[in-house]
């Protein structure tokens, strides 16, 4: 899968497209569907952690409960680290 640079400030600093190898899994059980995503490899090493899931569960009242669990960590570009503009 090829996607735009993430996070958005990466594009401003001239980062190109990401080359990402991901593993996706869909789980279907009674009253719940879950979409899993795990990044196996990023050629440019731009992400230290990029995985998680989105779950849709039917509630007893007929509504839908949506749960998101994610681990996404992009290291700061060197220019931002050098200027001490990173958030604490």
PDB file of N, CA and C in Angstrom:
ATOM      1  N   UNK A   1       0.844  -1.155   0.000  1.00  0.00           N
ATOM      2  CA  UNK A   1       0.000   0.000   0.000  1.00  0.00           C
ATOM      3  C   UNK A   1       0.900   1.232   0.000  1.00  0.00           C
ATOM      4  N   UNK A   2       0.604   2.194  -0.819  1.00  0.00           N
ATOM      5  CA  UNK A   2       1.331   3.456  -0.843  1.00  0.00           C
ATOM      6  C   UNK A   2       0.371   4.553  -0.441  1.00  0.00           C
ATOM      7  N   UNK A   3       0.808   5.411   0.466  1.00  0.00           N
ATOM      8  CA  UNK A   3      -0.074   6.476   0.925  1.00  0.00           C
ATOM      9  C   UNK A   3       0.708   7.772   1.052  1.00  0.00           C
ATOM     10  N   UNK A   4       0.005   8.830   1.360  1.00  0.00           N
ATOM     11  CA  UNK A   4       0.625  10.132   1.515  1.00  0.00           C
ATOM     12  C   UNK A   4       1.450  10.171   2.792  1.00  0.00           C
ATOM     13  N   UNK A   5       2.395  11.107   2.886  1.00  0.00           N
ATOM     14  CA  UNK A   5       3.211  11.213   4.088  1.00  0.00           C
ATOM     15  C   UNK A   5       2.348  11.457   5.319  1.00  0.00           C
ATOM     16  N   UNK A   6       2.724  10.830   6.407  1.00  0.00           N
ATOM     17  CA  UNK A   6       2.043  11.025   7.671  1.00  0.00           C
ATOM     18  C   UNK A   6       3.086  11.269   8.735  1.00  0.00           C
ATOM     19  N   UNK A   7       2.849  12.038   9.735  1.00  0.00           N
ATOM     20  CA  UNK A   7       1.742  12.978   9.845  1.00  0.00           C
ATOM     21  C   UNK A   7       1.854  14.107   8.826  1.00  0.00           C
ATOM     22  N   UNK A   8       0.860  14.975   8.798  1.00  0.00           N
ATOM     23  CA  UNK A   8       0.761  15.975   7.741  1.00  0.00           C
ATOM     24  C   UNK A   8       1.985  16.880   7.620  1.00  0.00           C
ATOM     25  N   UNK A   9       2.637  17.199   8.728  1.00  0.00           N
ATOM     26  CA  UNK A   9       3.788  18.083   8.630  1.00  0.00           C
ATOM     27  C   UNK A   9       4.922  17.462   7.818  1.00  0.00           C
ATOM     28  N   UNK A  10       4.924  16.149   7.641  1.00  0.00           N
ATOM     29  CA  UNK A  10       5.965  15.483   6.855  1.00  0.00           C
ATOM     30  C   UNK A  10       5.972  15.971   5.414  1.00  0.00           C
ATOM     31  N   UNK A  11       4.799  16.187   4.839  1.00  0.00           N
ATOM     32  CA  UNK A  11       4.714  16.671   3.461  1.00  0.00           C
ATOM     33  C   UNK A  11       5.321  18.066   3.356  1.00  0.00           C
ATOM     34  N   UNK A  12       5.103  18.902   4.348  1.00  0.00           N
ATOM     35  CA  UNK A  12       5.652  20.262   4.350  1.00  0.00           C
ATOM     36  C   UNK A  12       7.183  20.235   4.320  1.00  0.00           C
ATOM     37  N   UNK A  13       7.772  19.234   4.971  1.00  0.00           N
ATOM     38  CA  UNK A  13       9.232  19.127   5.013  1.00  0.00           C
ATOM     39  C   UNK A  13       9.777  18.282   3.867  1.00  0.00           C
ATOM     40  N   UNK A  14       8.954  18.022   2.842  1.00  0.00           N
ATOM     41  CA  UNK A  14       9.427  17.388   1.623  1.00  0.00           C
ATOM     42  C   UNK A  14       9.468  15.874   1.628  1.00  0.00           C
ATOM     43  N   UNK A  15       8.806  15.239   2.557  1.00  0.00           N
ATOM     44  CA  UNK A  15       8.804  13.776   2.597  1.00  0.00           C
ATOM     45  C   UNK A  15       7.926  13.240   1.474  1.00  0.00           C
ATOM     46  N   UNK A  16       8.373  12.196   0.803  1.00  0.00           N
ATOM     47  CA  UNK A  16       7.618  11.599  -0.293  1.00  0.00           C
ATOM     48  C   UNK A  16       6.588  10.605   0.198  1.00  0.00           C
ATOM     49  N   UNK A  17       6.086   9.795  -0.720  1.00  0.00           N
ATOM     50  CA  UNK A  17       5.099   8.781  -0.367  1.00  0.00           C
ATOM     51  C   UNK A  17       5.719   7.717   0.535  1.00  0.00           C
ATOM     52  N   UNK A  18       4.886   7.113   1.344  1.00  0.00           N
ATOM     53  CA  UNK A  18       5.324   6.025   2.209  1.00  0.00           C
ATOM     54  C   UNK A  18       5.194   4.697   1.471  1.00  0.00           C
ATOM     55  N   UNK A  19       6.114   3.808   1.716  1.00  0.00           N
ATOM     56  CA  UNK A  19       6.038   2.458   1.174  1.00  0.00           C
ATOM     57  C   UNK A  19       5.795   1.533   2.360  1.00  0.00           C
ATOM     58  N   UNK A  20       4.545   1.135   2.533  1.00  0.00           N
ATOM     59  CA  UNK A  20       4.129   0.428   3.741  1.00  0.00           C
ATOM     60  C   UNK A  20       3.658  -0.984   3.396  1.00  0.00           C
ATOM     61  N   UNK A  21       4.116  -1.958   4.177  1.00  0.00           N
ATOM     62  CA  UNK A  21       3.646  -3.335   4.040  1.00  0.00           C
ATOM     63  C   UNK A  21       2.789  -3.617   5.269  1.00  0.00           C
ATOM     64  N   UNK A  22       1.516  -3.846   5.046  1.00  0.00           N
ATOM     65  CA  UNK A  22       0.596  -4.045   6.167  1.00  0.00           C
ATOM     66  C   UNK A  22      -0.070  -5.406   6.110  1.00  0.00           C
ATOM     67  N   UNK A  23      -0.517  -5.827   7.266  1.00  0.00           N
ATOM     68  CA  UNK A  23      -1.302  -7.044   7.405  1.00  0.00           C
ATOM     69  C   UNK A  23      -2.655  -6.617   7.954  1.00  0.00           C
ATOM     70  N   UNK A  24      -3.718  -7.030   7.281  1.00  0.00           N
ATOM     71  CA  UNK A  24      -5.063  -6.673   7.717  1.00  0.00           C
ATOM     72  C   UNK A  24      -5.866  -7.945   7.950  1.00  0.00           C
ATOM     73  N   UNK A  25      -6.737  -7.884   8.932  1.00  0.00           N
ATOM     74  CA  UNK A  25      -7.591  -9.033   9.239  1.00  0.00           C
ATOM     75  C   UNK A  25      -8.980  -8.515   9.599  1.00  0.00           C
ATOM     76  N   UNK A  26      -9.993  -9.193   9.114  1.00  0.00           N
ATOM     77  CA  UNK A  26     -11.377  -8.864   9.440  1.00  0.00           C
ATOM     78  C   UNK A  26     -11.954 -10.004  10.261  1.00  0.00           C
ATOM     79  N   UNK A  27     -12.511  -9.705  11.407  1.00  0.00           N
ATOM     80  CA  UNK A  27     -13.160 -10.705  12.256  1.00  0.00           C
ATOM     81  C   UNK A  27     -14.656 -10.435  12.267  1.00  0.00           C
ATOM     82  N   UNK A  28     -15.420 -11.469  12.001  1.00  0.00           N
ATOM     83  CA  UNK A  28     -16.877 -11.380  12.043  1.00  0.00           C
ATOM     84  C   UNK A  28     -17.393 -12.386  13.059  1.00  0.00           C
ATOM     85  N   UNK A  29     -18.022 -11.897  14.114  1.00  0.00           N
ATOM     86  CA  UNK A  29     -18.694 -12.755  15.079  1.00  0.00           C
ATOM     87  C   UNK A  29     -20.091 -12.186  15.291  1.00  0.00           C
ATOM     88  N   UNK A  30     -20.929 -12.926  15.975  1.00  0.00           N
ATOM     89  CA  UNK A  30     -22.291 -12.456  16.216  1.00  0.00           C
ATOM     90  C   UNK A  30     -22.236 -11.114  16.946  1.00  0.00           C
ATOM     91  N   UNK A  31     -22.889 -10.124  16.384  1.00  0.00           N
ATOM     92  CA  UNK A  31     -23.017  -8.784  16.957  1.00  0.00           C
ATOM     93  C   UNK A  31     -21.737  -7.958  16.990  1.00  0.00           C
ATOM     94  N   UNK A  32     -20.662  -8.407  16.333  1.00  0.00           N
ATOM     95  CA  UNK A  32     -19.456  -7.589  16.292  1.00  0.00           C
ATOM     96  C   UNK A  32     -18.611  -7.880  15.049  1.00  0.00           C
ATOM     97  N   UNK A  33     -18.084  -6.815  14.478  1.00  0.00           N
ATOM     98  CA  UNK A  33     -17.117  -6.907  13.390  1.00  0.00           C
ATOM     99  C   UNK A  33     -15.904  -6.083  13.820  1.00  0.00           C
ATOM    100  N   UNK A  34     -14.710  -6.616  13.521  1.00  0.00           N
ATOM    101  CA  UNK A  34     -13.484  -5.937  13.924  1.00  0.00           C
ATOM    102  C   UNK A  34     -12.505  -5.938  12.756  1.00  0.00           C
ATOM    103  N   UNK A  35     -11.921  -4.780  12.492  1.00  0.00           N
ATOM    104  CA  UNK A  35     -10.935  -4.619  11.432  1.00  0.00           C
ATOM    105  C   UNK A  35      -9.585  -4.364  12.099  1.00  0.00           C
ATOM    106  N   UNK A  36      -8.639  -5.276  11.901  1.00  0.00           N
ATOM    107  CA  UNK A  36      -7.300  -5.173  12.471  1.00  0.00           C
ATOM    108  C   UNK A  36      -6.332  -4.689  11.403  1.00  0.00           C
ATOM    109  N   UNK A  37      -5.351  -3.891  11.788  1.00  0.00           N
ATOM    110  CA  UNK A  37      -4.303  -3.425  10.880  1.00  0.00           C
ATOM    111  C   UNK A  37      -2.981  -3.443  11.634  1.00  0.00           C
ATOM    112  N   UNK A  38      -1.971  -4.021  10.997  1.00  0.00           N
ATOM    113  CA  UNK A  38      -0.631  -4.024  11.597  1.00  0.00           C
ATOM    114  C   UNK A  38       0.397  -3.773  10.507  1.00  0.00           C
ATOM    115  N   UNK A  39       1.239  -2.783  10.721  1.00  0.00           N
ATOM    116  CA  UNK A  39       2.297  -2.489   9.771  1.00  0.00           C
ATOM    117  C   UNK A  39       3.455  -3.435  10.041  1.00  0.00           C
ATOM    118  N   UNK A  40       3.852  -4.163   9.008  1.00  0.00           N
ATOM    119  CA  UNK A  40       4.953  -5.107   9.138  1.00  0.00           C
ATOM    120  C   UNK A  40       6.292  -4.462   8.809  1.00  0.00           C
ATOM    121  N   UNK A  41       6.283  -3.563   7.827  1.00  0.00           N
ATOM    122  CA  UNK A  41       7.538  -2.951   7.398  1.00  0.00           C
ATOM    123  C   UNK A  41       7.253  -1.633   6.689  1.00  0.00           C
ATOM    124  N   UNK A  42       8.045  -0.635   6.979  1.00  0.00           N
ATOM    125  CA  UNK A  42       8.021   0.631   6.238  1.00  0.00           C
ATOM    126  C   UNK A  42       9.435   0.866   5.736  1.00  0.00           C
ATOM    127  N   UNK A  43       9.598   0.895   4.430  1.00  0.00           N
ATOM    128  CA  UNK A  43      10.922   0.978   3.825  1.00  0.00           C
ATOM    129  C   UNK A  43      11.714   2.182   4.304  1.00  0.00           C
ATOM    130  N   UNK A  44      11.029   3.294   4.566  1.00  0.00           N
ATOM    131  CA  UNK A  44      11.760   4.491   4.978  1.00  0.00           C
ATOM    132  C   UNK A  44      11.887   4.633   6.494  1.00  0.00           C
ATOM    133  N   UNK A  45      11.362   3.658   7.256  1.00  0.00           N
ATOM    134  CA  UNK A  45      11.478   3.699   8.711  1.00  0.00           C
ATOM    135  C   UNK A  45      10.766   4.863   9.360  1.00  0.00           C
ATOM    136  N   UNK A  46       9.719   5.372   8.726  1.00  0.00           N
ATOM    137  CA  UNK A  46       9.071   6.594   9.207  1.00  0.00           C
ATOM    138  C   UNK A  46       8.144   6.385  10.392  1.00  0.00           C
ATOM    139  N   UNK A  47       7.808   5.155  10.714  1.00  0.00           N
ATOM    140  CA  UNK A  47       6.897   4.915  11.828  1.00  0.00           C
ATOM    141  C   UNK A  47       7.489   3.864  12.756  1.00  0.00           C
ATOM    142  N   UNK A  48       7.449   4.136  14.043  1.00  0.00           N
ATOM    143  CA  UNK A  48       7.946   3.179  15.025  1.00  0.00           C
ATOM    144  C   UNK A  48       6.843   2.235  15.489  1.00  0.00           C
ATOM    145  N   UNK A  49       5.592   2.663  15.360  1.00  0.00           N
ATOM    146  CA  UNK A  49       4.445   1.852  15.752  1.00  0.00           C
ATOM    147  C   UNK A  49       3.244   2.325  14.940  1.00  0.00           C
ATOM    148  N   UNK A  50       2.572   1.415  14.274  1.00  0.00           N
ATOM    149  CA  UNK A  50       1.401   1.772  13.477  1.00  0.00           C
ATOM    150  C   UNK A  50       0.504   0.547  13.384  1.00  0.00           C
ATOM    151  N   UNK A  51      -0.350   0.368  14.378  1.00  0.00           N
ATOM    152  CA  UNK A  51      -1.229  -0.799  14.402  1.00  0.00           C
ATOM    153  C   UNK A  51      -2.439  -0.530  15.277  1.00  0.00           C
ATOM    154  N   UNK A  52      -3.453  -1.373  15.153  1.00  0.00           N
ATOM    155  CA  UNK A  52      -4.639  -1.238  15.973  1.00  0.00           C
ATOM    156  C   UNK A  52      -5.852  -1.860  15.328  1.00  0.00           C
ATOM    157  N   UNK A  53      -7.038  -1.497  15.828  1.00  0.00           N
ATOM    158  CA  UNK A  53      -8.285  -2.020  15.265  1.00  0.00           C
ATOM    159  C   UNK A  53      -9.418  -1.024  15.443  1.00  0.00           C
ATOM    160  N   UNK A  54     -10.462  -1.261  14.660  1.00  0.00           N
ATOM    161  CA  UNK A  54     -11.741  -0.577  14.811  1.00  0.00           C
ATOM    162  C   UNK A  54     -12.787  -1.676  14.971  1.00  0.00           C
ATOM    163  N   UNK A  55     -13.612  -1.570  15.987  1.00  0.00           N
ATOM    164  CA  UNK A  55     -14.634  -2.586  16.250  1.00  0.00           C
ATOM    165  C   UNK A  55     -16.018  -1.952  16.234  1.00  0.00           C
ATOM    166  N   UNK A  56     -16.955  -2.665  15.640  1.00  0.00           N
ATOM    167  CA  UNK A  56     -18.362  -2.257  15.584  1.00  0.00           C
ATOM    168  C   UNK A  56     -19.170  -3.333  16.290  1.00  0.00           C
ATOM    169  N   UNK A  57     -19.833  -2.960  17.390  1.00  0.00           N
ATOM    170  CA  UNK A  57     -20.591  -3.935  18.175  1.00  0.00           C
ATOM    171  C   UNK A  57     -22.033  -3.482  18.315  1.00  0.00           C
ATOM    172  N   UNK A  58     -22.956  -4.414  18.066  1.00  0.00           N
ATOM    173  CA  UNK A  58     -24.381  -4.114  18.226  1.00  0.00           C
ATOM    174  C   UNK A  58     -24.711  -4.003  19.710  1.00  0.00           C
ATOM    175  N   UNK A  59     -25.413  -2.925  20.065  1.00  0.00           N
ATOM    176  CA  UNK A  59     -25.841  -2.734  21.444  1.00  0.00           C
ATOM    177  C   UNK A  59     -27.229  -3.338  21.634  1.00  0.00           C
ATOM    178  N   UNK A  60     -27.585  -3.695  22.875  1.00  0.00           N
ATOM    179  CA  UNK A  60     -28.907  -4.277  23.140  1.00  0.00           C
ATOM    180  C   UNK A  60     -30.063  -3.374  22.715  1.00  0.00           C
ATOM    181  N   UNK A  61     -29.856  -2.038  22.732  1.00  0.00           N
ATOM    182  CA  UNK A  61     -30.919  -1.118  22.346  1.00  0.00           C
ATOM    183  C   UNK A  61     -31.006  -0.922  20.834  1.00  0.00           C
ATOM    184  N   UNK A  62     -30.196  -1.665  20.074  1.00  0.00           N
ATOM    185  CA  UNK A  62     -30.236  -1.558  18.618  1.00  0.00           C
ATOM    186  C   UNK A  62     -29.208  -0.607  18.041  1.00  0.00           C
ATOM    187  N   UNK A  63     -28.540   0.149  18.882  1.00  0.00           N
ATOM    188  CA  UNK A  63     -27.498   1.070  18.414  1.00  0.00           C
ATOM    189  C   UNK A  63     -26.202   0.329  18.127  1.00  0.00           C
ATOM    190  N   UNK A  64     -25.181   1.088  17.803  1.00  0.00           N
ATOM    191  CA  UNK A  64     -23.879   0.520  17.505  1.00  0.00           C
ATOM    192  C   UNK A  64     -22.825   1.189  18.367  1.00  0.00           C
ATOM    193  N   UNK A  65     -21.995   0.387  18.988  1.00  0.00           N
ATOM    194  CA  UNK A  65     -20.856   0.891  19.757  1.00  0.00           C
ATOM    195  C   UNK A  65     -19.623   0.765  18.875  1.00  0.00           C
ATOM    196  N   UNK A  66     -18.881   1.847  18.734  1.00  0.00           N
ATOM    197  CA  UNK A  66     -17.665   1.850  17.925  1.00  0.00           C
ATOM    198  C   UNK A  66     -16.485   2.050  18.858  1.00  0.00           C
ATOM    199  N   UNK A  67     -15.505   1.153  18.767  1.00  0.00           N
ATOM    200  CA  UNK A  67     -14.301   1.251  19.589  1.00  0.00           C
ATOM    201  C   UNK A  67     -13.081   1.298  18.675  1.00  0.00           C
ATOM    202  N   UNK A  68     -12.148   2.168  19.031  1.00  0.00           N
ATOM    203  CA  UNK A  68     -10.917   2.300  18.257  1.00  0.00           C
ATOM    204  C   UNK A  68      -9.747   2.122  19.211  1.00  0.00           C
ATOM    205  N   UNK A  69      -8.834   1.250  18.850  1.00  0.00           N
ATOM    206  CA  UNK A  69      -7.602   1.062  19.602  1.00  0.00           C
ATOM    207  C   UNK A  69      -6.463   1.236  18.615  1.00  0.00           C
ATOM    208  N   UNK A  70      -5.551   2.154  18.912  1.00  0.00           N
ATOM    209  CA  UNK A  70      -4.479   2.419  17.953  1.00  0.00           C
ATOM    210  C   UNK A  70      -3.177   2.774  18.661  1.00  0.00           C
ATOM    211  N   UNK A  71      -2.103   2.334  18.056  1.00  0.00           N
ATOM    212  CA  UNK A  71      -0.763   2.739  18.446  1.00  0.00           C
ATOM    213  C   UNK A  71      -0.124   3.319  17.192  1.00  0.00           C
ATOM    214  N   UNK A  72       0.051   4.627  17.177  1.00  0.00           N
ATOM    215  CA  UNK A  72       0.655   5.300  16.026  1.00  0.00           C
ATOM    216  C   UNK A  72       1.729   6.225  16.582  1.00  0.00           C
ATOM    217  N   UNK A  73       2.965   6.000  16.180  1.00  0.00           N
ATOM    218  CA  UNK A  73       4.061   6.838  16.663  1.00  0.00           C
ATOM    219  C   UNK A  73       5.006   7.147  15.514  1.00  0.00           C
ATOM    220  N   UNK A  74       5.060   8.407  15.149  1.00  0.00           N
ATOM    221  CA  UNK A  74       5.962   8.877  14.112  1.00  0.00           C
ATOM    222  C   UNK A  74       7.055   9.702  14.783  1.00  0.00           C
ATOM    223  N   UNK A  75       8.315   9.381  14.543  1.00  0.00           N
ATOM    224  CA  UNK A  75       9.368  10.223  15.109  1.00  0.00           C
ATOM    225  C   UNK A  75       9.334  11.618  14.493  1.00  0.00           C
ATOM    226  N   UNK A  76       9.755  12.605  15.246  1.00  0.00           N
ATOM    227  CA  UNK A  76       9.771  13.982  14.766  1.00  0.00           C
ATOM    228  C   UNK A  76      10.865  14.151  13.713  1.00  0.00           C
ATOM    229  N   UNK A  77      10.615  14.967  12.676  1.00  0.00           N
ATOM    230  CA  UNK A  77      11.676  15.264  11.715  1.00  0.00           C
ATOM    231  C   UNK A  77      12.844  15.956  12.412  1.00  0.00           C
ATOM    232  N   UNK A  78      14.060  15.697  11.937  1.00  0.00           N
ATOM    233  CA  UNK A  78      15.254  16.256  12.570  1.00  0.00           C
ATOM    234  C   UNK A  78      15.192  17.776  12.692  1.00  0.00           C
ATOM    235  N   UNK A  79      14.640  18.440  11.678  1.00  0.00           N
ATOM    236  CA  UNK A  79      14.565  19.899  11.720  1.00  0.00           C
ATOM    237  C   UNK A  79      13.726  20.379  12.905  1.00  0.00           C
ATOM    238  N   UNK A  80      12.599  19.715  13.158  1.00  0.00           N
ATOM    239  CA  UNK A  80      11.767  20.109  14.299  1.00  0.00           C
ATOM    240  C   UNK A  80      12.447  19.791  15.625  1.00  0.00           C
ATOM    241  N   UNK A  81      13.138  18.664  15.687  1.00  0.00           N
ATOM    242  CA  UNK A  81      13.853  18.310  16.918  1.00  0.00           C
ATOM    243  C   UNK A  81      14.928  19.361  17.186  1.00  0.00           C
ATOM    244  N   UNK A  82      15.654  19.777  16.140  1.00  0.00           N
ATOM    245  CA  UNK A  82      16.739  20.757  16.298  1.00  0.00           C
ATOM    246  C   UNK A  82      16.217  22.119  16.759  1.00  0.00           C
ATOM    247  N   UNK A  83      14.980  22.465  16.372  1.00  0.00           N
ATOM    248  CA  UNK A  83      14.414  23.763  16.776  1.00  0.00           C
ATOM    249  C   UNK A  83      13.622  23.684  18.067  1.00  0.00           C
ATOM    250  N   UNK A  84      13.561  22.495  18.666  1.00  0.00           N
ATOM    251  CA  UNK A  84      12.853  22.273  19.929  1.00  0.00           C
ATOM    252  C   UNK A  84      11.379  22.617  19.831  1.00  0.00           C
ATOM    253  N   UNK A  85      10.770  22.373  18.664  1.00  0.00           N
ATOM    254  CA  UNK A  85       9.346  22.651  18.473  1.00  0.00           C
ATOM    255  C   UNK A  85       8.468  21.432  18.753  1.00  0.00           C
ATOM    256  N   UNK A  86       9.075  20.320  19.122  1.00  0.00           N
ATOM    257  CA  UNK A  86       8.271  19.135  19.401  1.00  0.00           C
ATOM    258  C   UNK A  86       7.434  19.356  20.656  1.00  0.00           C
ATOM    259  N   UNK A  87       6.273  18.679  20.671  1.00  0.00           N
ATOM    260  CA  UNK A  87       5.381  18.824  21.822  1.00  0.00           C
ATOM    261  C   UNK A  87       5.893  17.946  22.953  1.00  0.00           C
ATOM    262  N   UNK A  88       5.570  18.305  24.166  1.00  0.00           N
ATOM    263  CA  UNK A  88       6.064  17.573  25.329  1.00  0.00           C
ATOM    264  C   UNK A  88       5.122  16.631  25.783  1.00  0.00           C
TER     265      UNK A  88
END
